[in-house]
Structures are given as structure tokens and as C-alpha cells.
Amino acid sequence: MTTPTIDDAIEALRRLTPERQQELAGYICQLAADSEPEDIDPDALPAVLEGLEQAKRREFASPERVAAALGLVNK
């Protein structure tokens, strides 16, 4: 398998819904911006590191739990 090119990525993006394209375009622009990474609050560092370890173990929150954390659940 060859390494994808930027053209491959753009073609894949074009097959997505307009809403998803817009969301991902924002991420791409942010990644491509020539800026310094944000500092992590030292108090938050343990939680960030734990989250990274969970991601490595492929332990992710369910969509319902994410919605609840964001306050998107109807009560």
C-alpha cells in the first residue's frame, strides 16, 4: 500500500457530507497553521496522560457518555 497523498485525502474528504467536510476542514487548517502548541495546565497533566493511555488501549467513552458530558442529554 502506498502512502496517501494530499490529493488522496482531499478526494476522500469530498465524498463526505458537507457538514463533516466543514468540521474536518477546521481541523486541517488548525493542524496546518504555523503556530506553537498550547501549554498544558500542570494540574490537568495527569488527566491528559491517563486519557492518552486509555486511547492507546482503545478505551473510549460511549456516544451516550460523551453527550451527557457535553450536556446534550435531554433530562
C-alpha atoms as a PDB file:
ATOM      1  CA  MET A   1       0.000   0.000   0.000  1.00  0.00           C
ATOM      2  CA  THR A   2       1.350   3.403  -0.923  1.00  0.00           C
ATOM      3  CA  THR A   3       1.392   6.415   1.341  1.00  0.00           C
ATOM      4  CA  PRO A   4      -1.669   8.605   0.734  1.00  0.00           C
ATOM      5  CA  THR A   5      -1.061  11.957  -0.912  1.00  0.00           C
ATOM      6  CA  ILE A   6      -2.785  15.250  -0.177  1.00  0.00           C
ATOM      7  CA  ASP A   7      -4.824  14.669  -3.337  1.00  0.00           C
ATOM      8  CA  ASP A   8      -5.996  11.289  -1.970  1.00  0.00           C
ATOM      9  CA  ALA A   9      -7.005  12.976   1.286  1.00  0.00           C
ATOM     10  CA  ILE A  10      -8.905  15.751  -0.486  1.00  0.00           C
ATOM     11  CA  GLU A  11     -10.739  13.233  -2.667  1.00  0.00           C
ATOM     12  CA  ALA A  12     -11.733  11.261   0.438  1.00  0.00           C
ATOM     13  CA  LEU A  13     -12.972  14.458   2.086  1.00  0.00           C
ATOM     14  CA  ARG A  14     -15.081  15.316  -0.959  1.00  0.00           C
ATOM     15  CA  ARG A  15     -17.022  12.070  -0.518  1.00  0.00           C
ATOM     16  CA  LEU A  16     -18.180  13.118   2.970  1.00  0.00           C
ATOM     17  CA  THR A  17     -21.276  15.099   3.859  1.00  0.00           C
ATOM     18  CA  PRO A  18     -20.916  18.894   3.685  1.00  0.00           C
ATOM     19  CA  GLU A  19     -21.199  19.098   7.479  1.00  0.00           C
ATOM     20  CA  ARG A  20     -18.402  16.587   8.025  1.00  0.00           C
ATOM     21  CA  GLN A  21     -16.268  18.304   5.370  1.00  0.00           C
ATOM     22  CA  GLN A  22     -16.618  21.607   7.198  1.00  0.00           C
ATOM     23  CA  GLU A  23     -15.747  20.028  10.554  1.00  0.00           C
ATOM     24  CA  LEU A  24     -12.644  18.311   9.196  1.00  0.00           C
ATOM     25  CA  ALA A  25     -11.568  21.386   7.227  1.00  0.00           C
ATOM     26  CA  GLY A  26     -11.352  23.251  10.522  1.00  0.00           C
ATOM     27  CA  TYR A  27      -9.102  20.565  11.991  1.00  0.00           C
ATOM     28  CA  ILE A  28      -6.898  20.502   8.906  1.00  0.00           C
ATOM     29  CA  CYS A  29      -6.479  24.272   8.914  1.00  0.00           C
ATOM     30  CA  GLN A  30      -5.627  24.195  12.601  1.00  0.00           C
ATOM     31  CA  LEU A  31      -3.029  21.457  12.045  1.00  0.00           C
ATOM     32  CA  ALA A  32      -1.532  23.281   9.077  1.00  0.00           C
ATOM     33  CA  ALA A  33      -1.314  26.615  10.900  1.00  0.00           C
ATOM     34  CA  ASP A  34       2.200  27.659  11.738  1.00  0.00           C
ATOM     35  CA  SER A  35       1.722  28.107  15.474  1.00  0.00           C
ATOM     36  CA  GLU A  36       3.142  26.870  18.731  1.00  0.00           C
ATOM     37  CA  PRO A  37       1.376  24.082  20.605  1.00  0.00           C
ATOM     38  CA  GLU A  38      -0.691  25.138  23.587  1.00  0.00           C
ATOM     39  CA  ASP A  39       0.740  24.622  27.058  1.00  0.00           C
ATOM     40  CA  ILE A  40      -0.979  22.059  29.266  1.00  0.00           C
ATOM     41  CA  ASP A  41      -2.032  23.208  32.707  1.00  0.00           C
ATOM     42  CA  PRO A  42       0.209  21.216  35.098  1.00  0.00           C
ATOM     43  CA  ASP A  43      -2.851  20.351  37.199  1.00  0.00           C
ATOM     44  CA  ALA A  44      -4.509  18.787  34.128  1.00  0.00           C
ATOM     45  CA  LEU A  45      -1.432  16.830  33.007  1.00  0.00           C
ATOM     46  CA  PRO A  46      -2.259  13.601  34.899  1.00  0.00           C
ATOM     47  CA  ALA A  47      -5.735  13.500  33.321  1.00  0.00           C
ATOM     48  CA  VAL A  48      -4.296  14.177  29.852  1.00  0.00           C
ATOM     49  CA  LEU A  49      -1.723  11.392  30.248  1.00  0.00           C
ATOM     50  CA  GLU A  50      -4.391   8.992  31.520  1.00  0.00           C
ATOM     51  CA  GLY A  51      -6.575   9.857  28.520  1.00  0.00           C
ATOM     52  CA  LEU A  52      -3.707   9.115  26.155  1.00  0.00           C
ATOM     53  CA  GLU A  53      -3.116   5.762  27.844  1.00  0.00           C
ATOM     54  CA  GLN A  54      -6.830   4.930  27.552  1.00  0.00           C
ATOM     55  CA  ALA A  55      -6.728   5.816  23.852  1.00  0.00           C
ATOM     56  CA  LYS A  56      -3.733   3.506  23.346  1.00  0.00           C
ATOM     57  CA  ARG A  57      -5.806   0.732  24.932  1.00  0.00           C
ATOM     58  CA  ARG A  58      -8.724   1.760  22.650  1.00  0.00           C
ATOM     59  CA  GLU A  59     -10.878   2.527  25.691  1.00  0.00           C
ATOM     60  CA  PHE A  60     -13.267   5.228  24.509  1.00  0.00           C
ATOM     61  CA  ALA A  61     -16.377   6.759  26.012  1.00  0.00           C
ATOM     62  CA  SER A  62     -19.686   5.714  24.513  1.00  0.00           C
ATOM     63  CA  PRO A  63     -21.592   8.270  22.425  1.00  0.00           C
ATOM     64  CA  GLU A  64     -24.142   8.471  25.252  1.00  0.00           C
ATOM     65  CA  ARG A  65     -21.480   9.284  27.832  1.00  0.00           C
ATOM     66  CA  VAL A  66     -19.967  11.966  25.582  1.00  0.00           C
ATOM     67  CA  ALA A  67     -23.397  13.509  25.036  1.00  0.00           C
ATOM     68  CA  ALA A  68     -24.037  13.513  28.788  1.00  0.00           C
ATOM     69  CA  ALA A  69     -20.653  15.134  29.481  1.00  0.00           C
ATOM     70  CA  LEU A  70     -21.416  17.853  26.935  1.00  0.00           C
ATOM     71  CA  GLY A  71     -24.871  18.422  28.390  1.00  0.00           C
ATOM     72  CA  LEU A  72     -26.610  17.191  25.235  1.00  0.00           C
ATOM     73  CA  VAL A  73     -28.839  14.683  27.004  1.00  0.00           C
ATOM     74  CA  ASN A  74     -32.495  15.564  27.454  1.00  0.00           C
ATOM     75  CA  LYS A  75     -33.459  15.280  31.081  1.00  0.00           C
END
